């Protein structure tokens, strides 16, 4: 039996496909997150491979624009549905969301001429505003449909390790049959081998959604933004370019000095990103135990969170 609102408030329904591909109405209890591996709203082969909802980043305005293709409780079509087994993946009380962008590390900083964080989102290093926007969506799924704000115990592996099933991240068919909560395409069995959404920070998305639900925050798709956090949200790796001037840079500078990673040659222009910032941040990454290309001096979401740059 289906209950609750069937379309996310404020979402576009201009690209609904249930008139062509009517699915099974059910009461969803889990949500599968995908990434589109593209930068624009897909047409999903006319709806033949569409999820329930696509979330398209509006980076300039720091919003995720929602496009609903099927009612929230209707089985969608973004998973391989093996008719030879008793458990049908698309019809196992699953709600499906596609996040426009990529989880492929080849696209961490650029995608041809496009720049991560400016022209598209590389979801394993998504800026905090994007994670909080997705949190609003899954908080709505929780309040309207009771989808638990919990994660699969299986690992959220980085792509391409998340592809296939050789690294233990994919559920068994029996696990999938009874699963409730949030998982990725990489976790779904029964003919599904895709590795999206990689190692995106779904733990933070769930955490933020719990804050919205428990704190009475706005999870209904309106324009109200969550309260400013105590620490500066991660602005994305591509934000850190030579010559960038910002009070965030100055606050980061002060924190790097405070944690003993001062590699600056001058105290002038402390609010401008330059070689001293990169060298000092690299020292911070190495202090955290990162090596090789993971300690390249370009901030990432985990090291940034641990630095605790005060909100400015």
Protein backbone atom coordinates (compact mmCIF):
# COMPACT_ATOMS: atom_id res chain seq x y z
CA UNK A 1 0.00 0.00 0.00
CA UNK A 2 1.35 3.42 -0.98
CA UNK A 3 1.20 6.34 1.43
CA UNK A 4 2.76 9.78 1.71
CA UNK A 5 3.46 12.47 -0.87
CA UNK A 6 4.48 11.00 -4.20
CA UNK A 7 6.44 13.95 -5.62
CA UNK A 8 9.17 15.97 -3.91
CA UNK A 9 7.93 19.51 -3.24
CA UNK A 10 9.16 21.96 -5.85
CA UNK A 11 10.27 19.21 -8.24
CA UNK A 12 9.62 19.39 -11.96
CA UNK A 13 7.26 16.77 -13.35
CA UNK A 14 7.87 17.80 -16.95
CA UNK A 15 9.73 14.53 -17.59
CA UNK A 16 7.39 11.92 -16.12
CA UNK A 17 7.54 8.47 -17.70
CA UNK A 18 4.89 6.57 -15.76
CA UNK A 19 2.44 7.16 -18.59
CA UNK A 20 4.70 5.11 -20.88
CA UNK A 21 6.27 2.74 -18.37
CA UNK A 22 3.80 2.26 -15.56
CA UNK A 23 5.48 0.48 -12.68
CA UNK A 24 4.28 -1.34 -9.61
CA UNK A 25 2.94 0.80 -6.76
CA UNK A 26 4.54 -0.30 -3.49
CA UNK A 27 5.58 1.17 -0.14
CA UNK A 28 9.27 1.97 -0.51
CA UNK A 29 11.61 1.18 2.35
CA UNK A 30 15.02 1.62 0.75
CA UNK A 31 16.71 4.13 -1.54
CA UNK A 32 19.37 3.37 -4.16
CA UNK A 33 21.72 6.22 -5.07
CA UNK A 34 23.21 6.37 -8.57
CA UNK A 35 25.40 8.83 -10.45
CA UNK A 36 24.54 9.56 -14.07
CA UNK A 37 28.16 9.88 -15.30
CA UNK A 38 27.04 12.88 -17.28
CA UNK A 39 26.65 16.61 -16.76
CA UNK A 40 23.11 17.27 -17.98
CA UNK A 41 19.65 15.83 -17.38
CA UNK A 42 19.56 12.44 -19.18
CA UNK A 43 16.62 11.31 -21.28
CA UNK A 44 17.07 7.71 -20.04
CA UNK A 45 16.24 6.31 -23.48
CA UNK A 46 12.81 7.87 -23.32
CA UNK A 47 12.29 6.73 -19.75
CA UNK A 48 13.19 3.07 -20.27
CA UNK A 49 16.06 3.33 -17.75
CA UNK A 50 14.83 6.18 -15.57
CA UNK A 51 14.95 6.44 -11.76
CA UNK A 52 12.21 7.90 -9.61
CA UNK A 53 14.05 11.23 -9.36
CA UNK A 54 17.04 12.96 -10.90
CA UNK A 55 18.84 15.67 -8.94
CA UNK A 56 20.63 18.15 -11.21
CA UNK A 57 23.18 20.47 -9.58
CA UNK A 58 22.61 24.20 -10.00
CA UNK A 59 26.12 25.05 -8.87
CA UNK A 60 25.82 28.81 -9.21
CA UNK A 61 22.89 28.86 -6.79
CA UNK A 62 24.06 25.90 -4.69
CA UNK A 63 20.86 23.91 -5.22
CA UNK A 64 19.96 20.47 -6.50
CA UNK A 65 17.06 20.78 -8.93
CA UNK A 66 14.70 17.82 -8.68
CA UNK A 67 13.04 16.13 -11.66
CA UNK A 68 10.53 13.42 -10.75
CA UNK A 69 10.06 10.72 -13.41
CA UNK A 70 7.91 8.25 -11.44
CA UNK A 71 5.88 8.59 -8.24
CA UNK A 72 7.98 7.97 -5.13
CA UNK A 73 6.31 4.61 -4.43
CA UNK A 74 6.30 3.36 -8.03
CA UNK A 75 8.99 0.91 -9.16
CA UNK A 76 11.46 2.69 -11.44
CA UNK A 77 13.76 1.31 -14.14
CA UNK A 78 17.39 2.24 -13.35
CA UNK A 79 18.46 -1.22 -12.13
CA UNK A 80 18.95 -4.46 -14.01
CA UNK A 81 15.78 -6.42 -13.26
CA UNK A 82 16.52 -10.12 -13.55
CA UNK A 83 13.24 -11.86 -14.39
CA UNK A 84 14.85 -15.26 -13.73
CA UNK A 85 14.96 -14.70 -9.96
CA UNK A 86 12.15 -14.37 -7.44
CA UNK A 87 13.41 -11.00 -6.16
CA UNK A 88 13.00 -8.28 -8.79
CA UNK A 89 15.50 -5.51 -8.06
CA UNK A 90 13.44 -2.60 -9.36
CA UNK A 91 10.37 -3.92 -7.57
CA UNK A 92 11.90 -4.68 -4.18
CA UNK A 93 10.33 -1.63 -2.47
CA UNK A 94 13.22 0.44 -3.84
CA UNK A 95 13.21 4.15 -4.51
CA UNK A 96 15.93 5.29 -6.92
CA UNK A 97 17.76 8.60 -7.26
CA UNK A 98 20.26 9.62 -9.95
CA UNK A 99 22.73 12.38 -9.04
CA UNK A 100 23.96 14.20 -12.14
CA UNK A 101 27.75 14.12 -12.16
CA UNK A 102 30.52 11.55 -11.85
CA UNK A 103 32.18 9.19 -9.38
CA UNK A 104 35.08 8.33 -11.71
CA UNK A 105 38.42 9.61 -10.30
CA UNK A 106 39.51 10.36 -13.86
CA UNK A 107 37.07 13.27 -13.59
CA UNK A 108 38.15 14.44 -10.13
CA UNK A 109 39.38 17.82 -11.37
CA UNK A 110 38.26 18.11 -14.97
CA UNK A 111 36.16 16.44 -17.64
CA UNK A 112 37.68 17.62 -20.86
CA UNK A 113 37.28 21.40 -20.69
CA UNK A 114 34.76 21.20 -17.85
CA UNK A 115 35.93 21.86 -14.29
CA UNK A 116 34.84 19.88 -11.24
CA UNK A 117 32.99 22.02 -8.71
CA UNK A 118 32.34 24.71 -11.30
CA UNK A 119 30.76 22.91 -14.26
CA UNK A 120 29.82 19.59 -12.66
CA UNK A 121 30.13 17.67 -9.39
CA UNK A 122 32.63 14.91 -8.70
CA UNK A 123 30.51 13.24 -6.05
CA UNK A 124 33.24 11.62 -3.91
CA UNK A 125 34.42 15.17 -3.18
CA UNK A 126 31.09 16.94 -3.41
CA UNK A 127 30.89 20.35 -1.72
CA UNK A 128 28.97 20.42 1.54
CA UNK A 129 26.06 22.37 0.09
CA UNK A 130 25.41 19.48 -2.35
CA UNK A 131 25.51 16.88 0.42
CA UNK A 132 23.11 18.97 2.50
CA UNK A 133 20.78 19.38 -0.46
CA UNK A 134 20.68 15.63 -0.95
CA UNK A 135 20.13 15.28 2.80
CA UNK A 136 16.96 17.35 2.43
CA UNK A 137 15.70 14.88 -0.16
CA UNK A 138 16.35 11.75 1.91
CA UNK A 139 14.93 13.48 5.00
CA UNK A 140 11.74 13.94 2.97
CA UNK A 141 11.82 10.24 2.04
CA UNK A 142 12.08 9.45 5.73
CA UNK A 143 9.25 11.70 6.89
CA UNK A 144 6.89 10.89 4.00
CA UNK A 145 7.73 7.23 3.41
CA UNK A 146 9.61 5.98 6.44
CA UNK A 147 12.79 5.09 4.53
CA UNK A 148 15.26 4.54 7.40
CA UNK A 149 18.17 6.94 7.74
CA UNK A 150 20.64 4.09 7.88
CA UNK A 151 23.33 2.79 5.52
CA UNK A 152 24.14 -0.66 4.25
CA UNK A 153 27.00 -2.21 6.26
CA UNK A 154 28.77 -2.98 2.98
CA UNK A 155 31.61 -0.63 2.06
CA UNK A 156 31.17 2.40 -0.21
CA UNK A 157 34.22 1.69 -2.33
CA UNK A 158 35.92 4.12 -4.69
CA UNK A 159 35.39 3.54 -8.37
CA UNK A 160 36.59 1.38 -10.17
CA UNK A 161 36.98 -1.02 -7.19
CA UNK A 162 33.24 -0.61 -6.72
CA UNK A 163 32.55 -2.12 -10.15
CA UNK A 164 31.49 -5.75 -10.33
CA UNK A 165 31.41 -7.94 -7.25
CA UNK A 166 34.99 -9.02 -6.60
CA UNK A 167 35.59 -6.64 -3.67
CA UNK A 168 32.76 -7.78 -1.41
CA UNK A 169 30.68 -4.61 -1.56
CA UNK A 170 27.65 -6.14 -3.29
CA UNK A 171 24.81 -7.66 -1.28
CA UNK A 172 23.71 -11.22 -1.69
CA UNK A 173 20.26 -11.75 -3.12
CA UNK A 174 18.97 -12.70 0.34
CA UNK A 175 20.41 -9.50 1.85
CA UNK A 176 18.83 -7.38 -0.87
CA UNK A 177 15.46 -9.04 -0.39
CA UNK A 178 15.20 -7.74 3.19
CA UNK A 179 17.29 -4.57 2.94
CA UNK A 180 15.94 -1.29 4.31
CA UNK A 181 17.77 2.05 4.33
CA UNK A 182 20.26 3.58 1.89
CA UNK A 183 22.66 1.90 -0.48
CA UNK A 184 24.37 2.59 -3.79
CA UNK A 185 24.02 1.00 -7.21
CA UNK A 186 27.32 -0.72 -6.36
CA UNK A 187 25.57 -2.69 -3.61
CA UNK A 188 22.63 -4.09 -5.59
CA UNK A 189 23.01 -7.74 -6.76
CA UNK A 190 21.25 -9.90 -9.33
CA UNK A 191 22.88 -8.82 -12.58
CA UNK A 192 23.83 -5.30 -11.48
CA UNK A 193 27.57 -4.61 -11.87
CA UNK A 194 27.83 -0.81 -11.95
CA UNK A 195 30.08 0.91 -9.40
CA UNK A 196 28.27 4.19 -8.82
CA UNK A 197 28.18 6.35 -6.77
CA UNK A 198 31.68 5.35 -5.63
CA UNK A 199 32.97 6.53 -2.28
CA UNK A 200 30.73 9.58 -1.95
CA UNK A 201 30.08 10.73 1.61
CA UNK A 202 26.68 9.16 2.17
CA UNK A 203 27.57 8.99 5.86
CA UNK A 204 27.47 12.79 5.95
CA UNK A 205 24.27 12.91 3.88
CA UNK A 206 22.56 10.62 6.39
CA UNK A 207 23.98 12.61 9.32
CA UNK A 208 22.65 15.88 7.90
CA UNK A 209 19.26 14.30 7.18
CA UNK A 210 19.01 13.09 10.77
CA UNK A 211 19.72 16.64 11.94
CA UNK A 212 16.90 17.94 9.74
CA UNK A 213 14.43 15.34 10.95
CA UNK A 214 15.29 15.52 14.65
CA UNK A 215 15.67 19.29 14.69
CA UNK A 216 12.51 20.06 12.79
CA UNK A 217 14.48 21.56 9.90
CA UNK A 218 13.05 22.14 6.47
CA UNK A 219 13.11 18.83 4.60
CA UNK A 220 10.26 19.65 2.26
CA UNK A 221 12.10 21.00 -0.77
CA UNK A 222 11.61 24.69 -0.01
CA UNK A 223 14.23 27.40 -0.18
CA UNK A 224 15.18 27.57 3.50
CA UNK A 225 18.86 26.69 3.95
CA UNK A 226 20.22 24.82 6.99
CA UNK A 227 21.85 26.90 9.75
CA UNK A 228 25.47 27.88 9.18
CA UNK A 229 27.78 25.18 10.55
CA UNK A 230 30.46 25.92 13.15
CA UNK A 231 33.15 25.05 10.63
CA UNK A 232 33.56 26.22 7.07
CA UNK A 233 31.99 23.76 4.57
CA UNK A 234 34.38 22.18 2.08
CA UNK A 235 34.20 24.34 -1.06
CA UNK A 236 35.45 21.62 -3.43
CA UNK A 237 38.99 20.91 -4.71
CA UNK A 238 38.70 23.06 -7.84
CA UNK A 239 37.96 26.12 -5.69
CA UNK A 240 41.61 26.22 -4.60
CA UNK A 241 43.28 27.97 -7.52
CA UNK A 242 46.29 30.27 -7.52
CA UNK A 243 45.19 33.83 -6.77
CA UNK A 244 41.87 32.93 -5.12
CA UNK A 245 41.20 35.58 -2.48
CA UNK A 246 38.81 34.76 0.33
CA UNK A 247 38.46 35.02 4.11
CA UNK A 248 38.18 31.23 4.00
CA UNK A 249 41.81 31.08 2.86
CA UNK A 250 42.85 33.32 5.75
CA UNK A 251 40.96 31.14 8.24
CA UNK A 252 42.57 28.02 6.79
CA UNK A 253 46.00 29.71 6.97
CA UNK A 254 45.52 30.35 10.68
CA UNK A 255 44.43 26.76 11.32
CA UNK A 256 47.41 25.30 9.44
CA UNK A 257 49.75 27.40 11.57
CA UNK A 258 47.88 26.35 14.72
CA UNK A 259 48.26 22.62 13.98
CA UNK A 260 52.00 22.93 13.34
CA UNK A 261 51.95 22.81 9.55
CA UNK A 262 53.34 26.27 8.84
CA UNK A 263 55.29 26.14 5.57
CA UNK A 264 54.63 29.77 4.69
CA UNK A 265 57.46 32.06 3.63
CA UNK A 266 55.49 35.23 4.37
CA UNK A 267 52.48 36.45 6.34
CA UNK A 268 51.47 38.82 3.54
CA UNK A 269 48.31 38.09 1.54
CA UNK A 270 47.17 35.45 4.00
CA UNK A 271 43.75 35.45 2.31
CA UNK A 272 45.13 34.52 -1.13
CA UNK A 273 45.74 30.89 -2.14
CA UNK A 274 49.33 30.36 -3.23
CA UNK A 275 52.34 28.05 -3.06
CA UNK A 276 52.70 28.49 0.69
CA UNK A 277 49.12 27.35 1.24
CA UNK A 278 49.65 24.26 -0.88
CA UNK A 279 52.92 23.37 0.88
CA UNK A 280 51.34 23.89 4.31
CA UNK A 281 48.25 21.88 3.40
CA UNK A 282 50.46 19.11 2.05
CA UNK A 283 52.19 19.04 5.46
CA UNK A 284 48.73 18.70 7.07
CA UNK A 285 47.80 15.82 4.75
CA UNK A 286 51.04 14.03 5.60
CA UNK A 287 50.42 14.62 9.29
CA UNK A 288 47.10 12.80 8.83
CA UNK A 289 48.93 9.87 7.23
CA UNK A 290 48.26 10.55 3.55
CA UNK A 291 51.00 9.70 1.05
CA UNK A 292 51.67 9.97 -2.67
CA UNK A 293 49.02 11.70 -4.74
CA UNK A 294 46.71 11.78 -1.72
CA UNK A 295 49.14 14.30 -0.20
CA UNK A 296 49.32 16.71 -3.12
CA UNK A 297 48.45 19.86 -1.17
CA UNK A 298 44.98 20.19 -2.70
CA UNK A 299 42.33 20.01 0.06
CA UNK A 300 39.93 17.08 0.08
CA UNK A 301 36.69 16.73 2.07
CA UNK A 302 38.06 14.47 4.82
CA UNK A 303 41.26 16.40 5.56
CA UNK A 304 39.32 19.67 5.38
CA UNK A 305 36.76 18.46 7.91
CA UNK A 306 39.54 17.38 10.25
CA UNK A 307 41.25 20.77 9.99
CA UNK A 308 38.11 22.43 11.43
CA UNK A 309 38.37 25.78 9.66
CA UNK A 310 36.06 28.20 11.52
CA UNK A 311 33.03 29.37 9.61
CA UNK A 312 33.54 32.87 8.22
